Amino acid sequence: MGRGLDRRALSLSLSLSLALMLALGGAAPLRAQTFDLKTLMQRMALRKAGTARFTEERVVGGIDGPLRSSGTLSFSAPDRFERQNLHPVKETLQIQGRTLLLRRGGRTRQMDVDAVPELGALLEALRGTLTGDAALLQKHFRTQLSGGEAKWVLLLEPLDARLAQQLAQIEVVGRGSDVHSIALQMRGGDRSLMLLEPMSTAAAASASTP
């Protein structure tokens, strides 16, 4: 498999993984208590499945103007994650177990995430977070949480050397147990901003219907 797909899969998986790790609504509101990373992660871990609508704007070197896309994200515990691009083109990125599938235009390409160590690190951190294991997240990212329940900002910097060569920082902004935006800053200047809106089951089914 070419490195072009590896880089594309990494870029898509970064936004997919962090969105699913932190953004799918439905968890109970945070009660009045010490607001720290452990508390936030434990609340996030209460959800076992969910779907969110996303809009994303990416700035990529060598391309005039931002690239805009929209679609849905879905998660089902313990290890099934999917990003479905609906606009401007239909494309599906799915992670199940240790396998990544990219479907577009009737074609499917498959990759073992262990073949790209940085993807493996992301996936392990994702699963750790979904089980409420803040320590596992901190094994792969340097974390800094600021603010409070009304508005919090979580900064993530990769500790994995190979991932750090491509990804500089992730900024997640939210309120209570819901995430409003995820911004990725890549090395070399590329960046993306994803806005999220949790969806009901009925709305999710309607959005994915052709």
Protein backbone atom coordinates (compact mmCIF):
# COMPACT_ATOMS: atom_id res chain seq x y z
CA MET A 1 0.00 0.00 0.00
CA GLY A 2 1.37 3.39 -0.96
CA ARG A 3 2.48 6.01 1.51
CA GLY A 4 -0.08 8.38 -0.03
CA LEU A 5 -2.90 6.27 1.37
CA ASP A 6 -1.04 5.88 4.67
CA ARG A 7 -0.86 9.67 5.05
CA ARG A 8 -4.49 10.12 4.02
CA ALA A 9 -5.62 7.36 6.37
CA LEU A 10 -3.62 8.94 9.20
CA SER A 11 -5.13 12.36 8.61
CA LEU A 12 -8.67 10.99 8.48
CA SER A 13 -8.08 8.64 11.40
CA LEU A 14 -6.76 11.43 13.59
CA SER A 15 -9.96 13.42 13.23
CA LEU A 16 -12.13 10.31 13.38
CA SER A 17 -10.45 8.89 16.46
CA LEU A 18 -10.38 12.06 18.50
CA ALA A 19 -13.95 12.89 17.59
CA LEU A 20 -15.17 9.46 18.60
CA MET A 21 -12.99 9.45 21.67
CA LEU A 22 -14.45 12.66 23.00
CA ALA A 23 -17.44 13.94 21.06
CA LEU A 24 -20.40 11.58 20.89
CA GLY A 25 -23.09 12.94 23.18
CA GLY A 26 -25.33 11.17 25.63
CA ALA A 27 -23.23 10.93 28.78
CA ALA A 28 -24.64 12.16 32.07
CA PRO A 29 -23.92 15.82 32.97
CA LEU A 30 -20.90 16.44 35.14
CA ARG A 31 -21.87 16.82 38.78
CA ALA A 32 -20.33 19.49 40.96
CA GLN A 33 -16.91 18.07 41.83
CA THR A 34 -13.27 18.57 41.08
CA PHE A 35 -12.94 19.14 37.34
CA ASP A 36 -9.89 17.26 36.10
CA LEU A 37 -8.92 14.90 33.29
CA LYS A 38 -9.85 11.77 35.23
CA THR A 39 -13.35 13.11 35.94
CA LEU A 40 -13.89 14.14 32.33
CA MET A 41 -12.68 10.81 30.93
CA GLN A 42 -14.84 8.80 33.32
CA ARG A 43 -17.90 10.71 32.15
CA MET A 44 -16.99 10.17 28.51
CA ALA A 45 -16.60 6.44 29.14
CA LEU A 46 -20.26 6.08 30.19
CA ARG A 47 -21.45 6.01 26.57
CA LYS A 48 -21.37 2.68 24.74
CA ALA A 49 -22.49 3.93 21.33
CA GLY A 50 -23.40 7.14 19.57
CA THR A 51 -23.55 9.17 16.39
CA ALA A 52 -22.61 12.77 15.66
CA ARG A 53 -22.94 15.06 12.66
CA PHE A 54 -19.71 16.82 11.69
CA THR A 55 -18.54 19.64 9.47
CA GLU A 56 -14.82 19.96 8.83
CA GLU A 57 -12.58 22.55 7.24
CA ARG A 58 -9.01 21.61 6.32
CA VAL A 59 -6.17 23.81 5.15
CA VAL A 60 -3.61 21.82 3.16
CA GLY A 61 -0.36 23.17 1.76
CA GLY A 62 -0.33 23.50 -2.04
CA ILE A 63 -4.12 23.67 -2.33
CA ASP A 64 -5.84 27.04 -2.80
CA GLY A 65 -8.62 27.63 -0.32
CA PRO A 66 -9.87 25.37 2.50
CA LEU A 67 -11.26 21.88 1.88
CA ARG A 68 -14.72 21.47 3.40
CA SER A 69 -16.51 18.24 4.15
CA SER A 70 -19.46 17.02 6.20
CA GLY A 71 -21.03 13.77 7.27
CA THR A 72 -21.48 11.57 10.30
CA LEU A 73 -19.33 9.80 12.88
CA SER A 74 -20.44 6.68 14.72
CA PHE A 75 -19.07 4.50 17.47
CA SER A 76 -20.07 1.14 18.92
CA ALA A 77 -18.13 -0.33 21.83
CA PRO A 78 -15.67 -1.82 22.08
CA ASP A 79 -13.85 -1.40 18.77
CA ARG A 80 -16.03 -0.27 15.86
CA PHE A 81 -15.60 3.32 14.62
CA GLU A 82 -16.83 4.86 11.38
CA ARG A 83 -16.58 8.21 9.60
CA GLN A 84 -19.02 8.62 6.73
CA ASN A 85 -18.31 11.55 4.44
CA LEU A 86 -21.50 12.68 2.69
CA HIS A 87 -20.30 15.92 1.08
CA PRO A 88 -18.61 16.84 -1.22
CA VAL A 89 -17.92 13.17 -2.04
CA LYS A 90 -19.19 9.98 -0.46
CA GLU A 91 -16.46 8.11 1.37
CA THR A 92 -16.38 5.82 4.38
CA LEU A 93 -13.48 5.26 6.76
CA GLN A 94 -14.04 2.38 9.17
CA ILE A 95 -11.91 0.92 11.94
CA GLN A 96 -12.91 -2.45 13.32
CA GLY A 97 -10.52 -4.20 15.63
CA ARG A 98 -7.05 -3.64 14.16
CA THR A 99 -8.25 -3.21 10.57
CA LEU A 100 -8.86 0.08 8.73
CA LEU A 101 -11.13 0.10 5.67
CA LEU A 102 -11.45 3.00 3.23
CA ARG A 103 -14.41 2.79 0.80
CA ARG A 104 -14.90 5.20 -2.09
CA GLY A 105 -16.52 4.93 -5.51
CA GLY A 106 -17.26 1.23 -5.16
CA ARG A 107 -13.66 0.42 -4.22
CA THR A 108 -12.40 -0.75 -0.83
CA ARG A 109 -8.84 -0.48 0.42
CA GLN A 110 -7.71 -2.20 3.59
CA MET A 111 -4.84 -1.61 5.98
CA ASP A 112 -3.67 -3.19 9.22
CA VAL A 113 -3.27 -0.31 11.69
CA ASP A 114 -0.25 -2.07 13.20
CA ALA A 115 1.54 -1.46 9.89
CA VAL A 116 1.56 2.26 10.79
CA PRO A 117 2.78 2.56 14.42
CA GLU A 118 1.35 6.04 14.89
CA LEU A 119 -2.13 4.74 14.05
CA GLY A 120 -1.66 1.92 16.55
CA ALA A 121 -0.78 4.42 19.26
CA LEU A 122 -3.86 6.49 18.45
CA LEU A 123 -6.14 3.47 18.51
CA GLU A 124 -4.79 2.26 21.84
CA ALA A 125 -5.27 5.71 23.35
CA LEU A 126 -8.80 5.82 21.93
CA ARG A 127 -9.78 2.51 23.45
CA GLY A 128 -8.22 3.43 26.76
CA THR A 129 -10.26 6.61 26.87
CA LEU A 130 -13.53 4.83 26.04
CA THR A 131 -12.93 2.60 29.07
CA GLY A 132 -12.23 5.61 31.28
CA ASP A 133 -8.47 4.98 31.48
CA ALA A 134 -6.95 8.48 31.60
CA ALA A 135 -3.54 6.94 32.37
CA LEU A 136 -3.52 5.14 29.01
CA LEU A 137 -4.36 8.38 27.20
CA GLN A 138 -1.47 10.06 28.98
CA LYS A 139 0.80 7.22 27.91
CA HIS A 140 0.48 8.48 24.33
CA PHE A 141 -0.30 12.20 24.76
CA ARG A 142 0.93 15.03 26.92
CA THR A 143 -2.33 16.46 28.25
CA GLN A 144 -3.32 19.90 29.51
CA LEU A 145 -6.89 20.56 30.63
CA SER A 146 -8.03 24.09 31.44
CA GLY A 147 -11.34 25.80 32.19
CA GLY A 148 -14.37 24.26 33.87
CA GLU A 149 -17.65 22.50 33.14
CA ALA A 150 -19.14 25.54 31.36
CA LYS A 151 -16.21 25.57 28.92
CA TRP A 152 -13.09 23.45 28.93
CA VAL A 153 -10.11 23.14 26.62
CA LEU A 154 -8.05 19.96 26.34
CA LEU A 155 -4.67 20.17 24.61
CA LEU A 156 -3.04 16.95 23.44
CA GLU A 157 0.56 16.68 22.26
CA PRO A 158 1.77 13.28 20.99
CA LEU A 159 4.53 11.51 22.88
CA ASP A 160 5.08 8.91 20.16
CA ALA A 161 8.04 10.13 18.09
CA ARG A 162 6.64 9.02 14.73
CA LEU A 163 3.23 10.53 15.39
CA ALA A 164 4.88 13.76 16.58
CA GLN A 165 6.64 14.05 13.22
CA GLN A 166 3.24 14.58 11.59
CA LEU A 167 0.99 15.93 14.36
CA ALA A 168 1.91 18.96 16.46
CA GLN A 169 -1.17 19.41 18.65
CA ILE A 170 -4.86 18.67 19.07
CA GLU A 171 -7.17 21.16 20.76
CA VAL A 172 -10.53 19.89 21.98
CA VAL A 173 -13.11 22.41 23.24
CA GLY A 174 -16.28 21.38 25.04
CA ARG A 175 -18.87 21.95 27.69
CA GLY A 176 -19.85 19.40 30.30
CA SER A 177 -19.70 15.97 28.62
CA ASP A 178 -20.13 17.33 25.08
CA VAL A 179 -17.42 18.38 22.66
CA HIS A 180 -18.06 21.36 20.38
CA SER A 181 -14.90 21.41 18.28
CA ILE A 182 -11.66 19.58 17.56
CA ALA A 183 -8.73 21.40 15.94
CA LEU A 184 -5.68 19.57 14.59
CA GLN A 185 -2.38 21.30 13.88
CA MET A 186 -0.10 19.23 11.67
CA ARG A 187 3.63 19.71 11.17
CA GLY A 188 4.33 21.84 8.14
CA GLY A 189 1.29 24.06 8.60
CA ASP A 190 -1.63 21.85 7.57
CA ARG A 191 -4.56 22.17 9.96
CA SER A 192 -8.20 21.22 10.36
CA LEU A 193 -11.19 22.28 12.43
CA MET A 194 -14.10 19.91 13.06
CA LEU A 195 -17.42 21.07 14.55
CA LEU A 196 -19.70 18.43 16.06
CA GLU A 197 -23.36 17.98 16.86
CA PRO A 198 -24.67 14.82 18.58
CA MET A 199 -27.52 13.09 16.72
CA SER A 200 -30.45 10.92 17.74
CA THR A 201 -30.71 7.40 16.32
CA ALA A 202 -33.53 8.41 13.97
CA ALA A 203 -31.65 11.44 12.70
CA ALA A 204 -28.52 9.36 12.11
CA ALA A 205 -30.46 6.82 10.02
CA SER A 206 -32.04 9.61 7.96
CA ALA A 207 -28.67 11.29 7.33
CA SER A 208 -27.07 8.12 5.97
CA THR A 209 -29.98 7.28 3.63
CA PRO A 210 -29.17 8.13 -0.04
